[in-house]
């Protein structure tokens, strides 16, 4: 699995030069290469534990641990503990 990161960069047209200033020129198209960034080796492809499921869903939604912690009113360390199998979430967070 790969994530596609498209990068758009505005490149202004610098038409004309002093040797050809009286010539009419058409604007040219400029292209920039796009790269596909591979997923991190830590990405849980087949989640086995609850922590793996939390991490996979968070990465799929492109959220940081701080974003999830804020939405659940817990600390970032709590989310880290859940994802790293140090503790399980209380039933009210399911």
C-alpha atoms as a PDB file:
ATOM      1  CA  UNK A   1       0.000   0.000   0.000  1.00  0.00           C
ATOM      2  CA  UNK A   2       1.180   3.461  -0.831  1.00  0.00           C
ATOM      3  CA  UNK A   3       0.020   6.962  -0.048  1.00  0.00           C
ATOM      4  CA  UNK A   4      -0.055   9.411  -2.915  1.00  0.00           C
ATOM      5  CA  UNK A   5       1.317  12.822  -2.034  1.00  0.00           C
ATOM      6  CA  UNK A   6       0.625  15.325  -4.784  1.00  0.00           C
ATOM      7  CA  UNK A   7       2.684  18.455  -4.694  1.00  0.00           C
ATOM      8  CA  UNK A   8       1.573  21.488  -6.662  1.00  0.00           C
ATOM      9  CA  UNK A   9       3.991  24.289  -7.135  1.00  0.00           C
ATOM     10  CA  UNK A  10       3.235  27.472  -9.023  1.00  0.00           C
ATOM     11  CA  UNK A  11       5.995  28.159 -11.507  1.00  0.00           C
ATOM     12  CA  UNK A  12       5.531  31.609 -13.080  1.00  0.00           C
ATOM     13  CA  UNK A  13       5.939  32.005 -16.840  1.00  0.00           C
ATOM     14  CA  UNK A  14       8.925  34.148 -17.664  1.00  0.00           C
ATOM     15  CA  UNK A  15       8.186  34.890 -21.292  1.00  0.00           C
ATOM     16  CA  UNK A  16      10.445  36.710 -23.669  1.00  0.00           C
ATOM     17  CA  UNK A  17      14.127  37.421 -23.746  1.00  0.00           C
ATOM     18  CA  UNK A  18      15.948  40.460 -25.036  1.00  0.00           C
ATOM     19  CA  UNK A  19      16.964  38.742 -28.309  1.00  0.00           C
ATOM     20  CA  UNK A  20      13.377  37.789 -29.151  1.00  0.00           C
ATOM     21  CA  UNK A  21      11.387  40.580 -27.521  1.00  0.00           C
ATOM     22  CA  UNK A  22       9.342  41.324 -30.657  1.00  0.00           C
ATOM     23  CA  UNK A  23       8.348  37.690 -31.246  1.00  0.00           C
ATOM     24  CA  UNK A  24       5.031  36.346 -30.042  1.00  0.00           C
ATOM     25  CA  UNK A  25       5.466  33.282 -27.871  1.00  0.00           C
ATOM     26  CA  UNK A  26       2.942  30.831 -26.545  1.00  0.00           C
ATOM     27  CA  UNK A  27       3.131  29.948 -22.878  1.00  0.00           C
ATOM     28  CA  UNK A  28       4.658  26.592 -22.167  1.00  0.00           C
ATOM     29  CA  UNK A  29       3.458  23.942 -19.757  1.00  0.00           C
ATOM     30  CA  UNK A  30       5.767  23.044 -16.951  1.00  0.00           C
ATOM     31  CA  UNK A  31       5.496  19.761 -15.118  1.00  0.00           C
ATOM     32  CA  UNK A  32       6.760  18.670 -11.765  1.00  0.00           C
ATOM     33  CA  UNK A  33       7.420  15.085 -10.772  1.00  0.00           C
ATOM     34  CA  UNK A  34       5.060  13.431  -8.288  1.00  0.00           C
ATOM     35  CA  UNK A  35       6.272  10.789  -5.905  1.00  0.00           C
ATOM     36  CA  UNK A  36       4.471   8.013  -4.108  1.00  0.00           C
ATOM     37  CA  UNK A  37       5.517   7.764  -0.497  1.00  0.00           C
ATOM     38  CA  UNK A  38       5.489   4.188   0.825  1.00  0.00           C
ATOM     39  CA  UNK A  39       3.695   3.484   4.083  1.00  0.00           C
ATOM     40  CA  UNK A  40       5.751   3.232   7.232  1.00  0.00           C
ATOM     41  CA  UNK A  41       6.888  -0.279   8.213  1.00  0.00           C
ATOM     42  CA  UNK A  42       5.097   0.352  11.524  1.00  0.00           C
ATOM     43  CA  UNK A  43       1.735   0.638   9.719  1.00  0.00           C
ATOM     44  CA  UNK A  44      -0.395  -2.276  10.949  1.00  0.00           C
ATOM     45  CA  UNK A  45      -1.469  -3.965   7.688  1.00  0.00           C
ATOM     46  CA  UNK A  46      -3.348  -6.732   9.467  1.00  0.00           C
ATOM     47  CA  UNK A  47      -4.205  -5.418  12.934  1.00  0.00           C
ATOM     48  CA  UNK A  48      -4.343  -8.111  15.611  1.00  0.00           C
ATOM     49  CA  UNK A  49      -4.787  -6.112  18.797  1.00  0.00           C
ATOM     50  CA  UNK A  50      -7.023  -3.237  19.824  1.00  0.00           C
ATOM     51  CA  UNK A  51      -3.966  -0.957  19.838  1.00  0.00           C
ATOM     52  CA  UNK A  52      -3.198  -1.953  16.223  1.00  0.00           C
ATOM     53  CA  UNK A  53      -6.773  -1.152  15.197  1.00  0.00           C
ATOM     54  CA  UNK A  54      -6.598   2.268  16.872  1.00  0.00           C
ATOM     55  CA  UNK A  55      -3.257   3.058  15.211  1.00  0.00           C
ATOM     56  CA  UNK A  56      -4.404   1.868  11.769  1.00  0.00           C
ATOM     57  CA  UNK A  57      -7.619   3.904  11.907  1.00  0.00           C
ATOM     58  CA  UNK A  58      -5.737   6.970  13.131  1.00  0.00           C
ATOM     59  CA  UNK A  59      -3.187   6.702  10.304  1.00  0.00           C
ATOM     60  CA  UNK A  60      -5.908   6.078   7.709  1.00  0.00           C
ATOM     61  CA  UNK A  61      -7.622   9.298   8.829  1.00  0.00           C
ATOM     62  CA  UNK A  62      -4.231  11.088   8.909  1.00  0.00           C
ATOM     63  CA  UNK A  63      -4.683  12.084  12.544  1.00  0.00           C
ATOM     64  CA  UNK A  64      -2.010  12.673  15.149  1.00  0.00           C
ATOM     65  CA  UNK A  65      -2.178  11.095  18.589  1.00  0.00           C
ATOM     66  CA  UNK A  66      -2.866  14.572  19.973  1.00  0.00           C
ATOM     67  CA  UNK A  67      -5.942  14.910  17.723  1.00  0.00           C
ATOM     68  CA  UNK A  68      -7.387  11.603  18.940  1.00  0.00           C
ATOM     69  CA  UNK A  69      -6.544  12.423  22.559  1.00  0.00           C
ATOM     70  CA  UNK A  70      -8.269  15.800  22.288  1.00  0.00           C
ATOM     71  CA  UNK A  71     -11.416  14.287  20.767  1.00  0.00           C
ATOM     72  CA  UNK A  72     -11.628  11.647  23.541  1.00  0.00           C
ATOM     73  CA  UNK A  73     -10.614  14.052  26.353  1.00  0.00           C
ATOM     74  CA  UNK A  74      -7.620  11.955  27.360  1.00  0.00           C
ATOM     75  CA  UNK A  75      -3.887  12.631  27.289  1.00  0.00           C
ATOM     76  CA  UNK A  76      -1.597  11.890  24.389  1.00  0.00           C
ATOM     77  CA  UNK A  77       0.269   9.433  26.627  1.00  0.00           C
ATOM     78  CA  UNK A  78      -2.972   7.479  27.057  1.00  0.00           C
ATOM     79  CA  UNK A  79      -3.315   7.053  23.287  1.00  0.00           C
ATOM     80  CA  UNK A  80       0.341   6.031  23.084  1.00  0.00           C
ATOM     81  CA  UNK A  81      -0.186   3.448  25.840  1.00  0.00           C
ATOM     82  CA  UNK A  82      -3.177   2.000  23.995  1.00  0.00           C
ATOM     83  CA  UNK A  83      -1.285   1.759  20.708  1.00  0.00           C
ATOM     84  CA  UNK A  84       1.846   0.256  22.296  1.00  0.00           C
ATOM     85  CA  UNK A  85      -0.007  -2.412  24.330  1.00  0.00           C
ATOM     86  CA  UNK A  86       0.824  -0.883  27.734  1.00  0.00           C
ATOM     87  CA  UNK A  87      -2.838  -0.568  28.677  1.00  0.00           C
ATOM     88  CA  UNK A  88      -6.316  -1.103  27.275  1.00  0.00           C
ATOM     89  CA  UNK A  89      -8.939   1.605  26.915  1.00  0.00           C
ATOM     90  CA  UNK A  90     -11.749   1.743  29.444  1.00  0.00           C
ATOM     91  CA  UNK A  91     -15.055   0.452  28.048  1.00  0.00           C
ATOM     92  CA  UNK A  92     -16.481   3.999  27.819  1.00  0.00           C
ATOM     93  CA  UNK A  93     -13.904   4.835  25.097  1.00  0.00           C
ATOM     94  CA  UNK A  94     -14.982   2.026  22.839  1.00  0.00           C
END
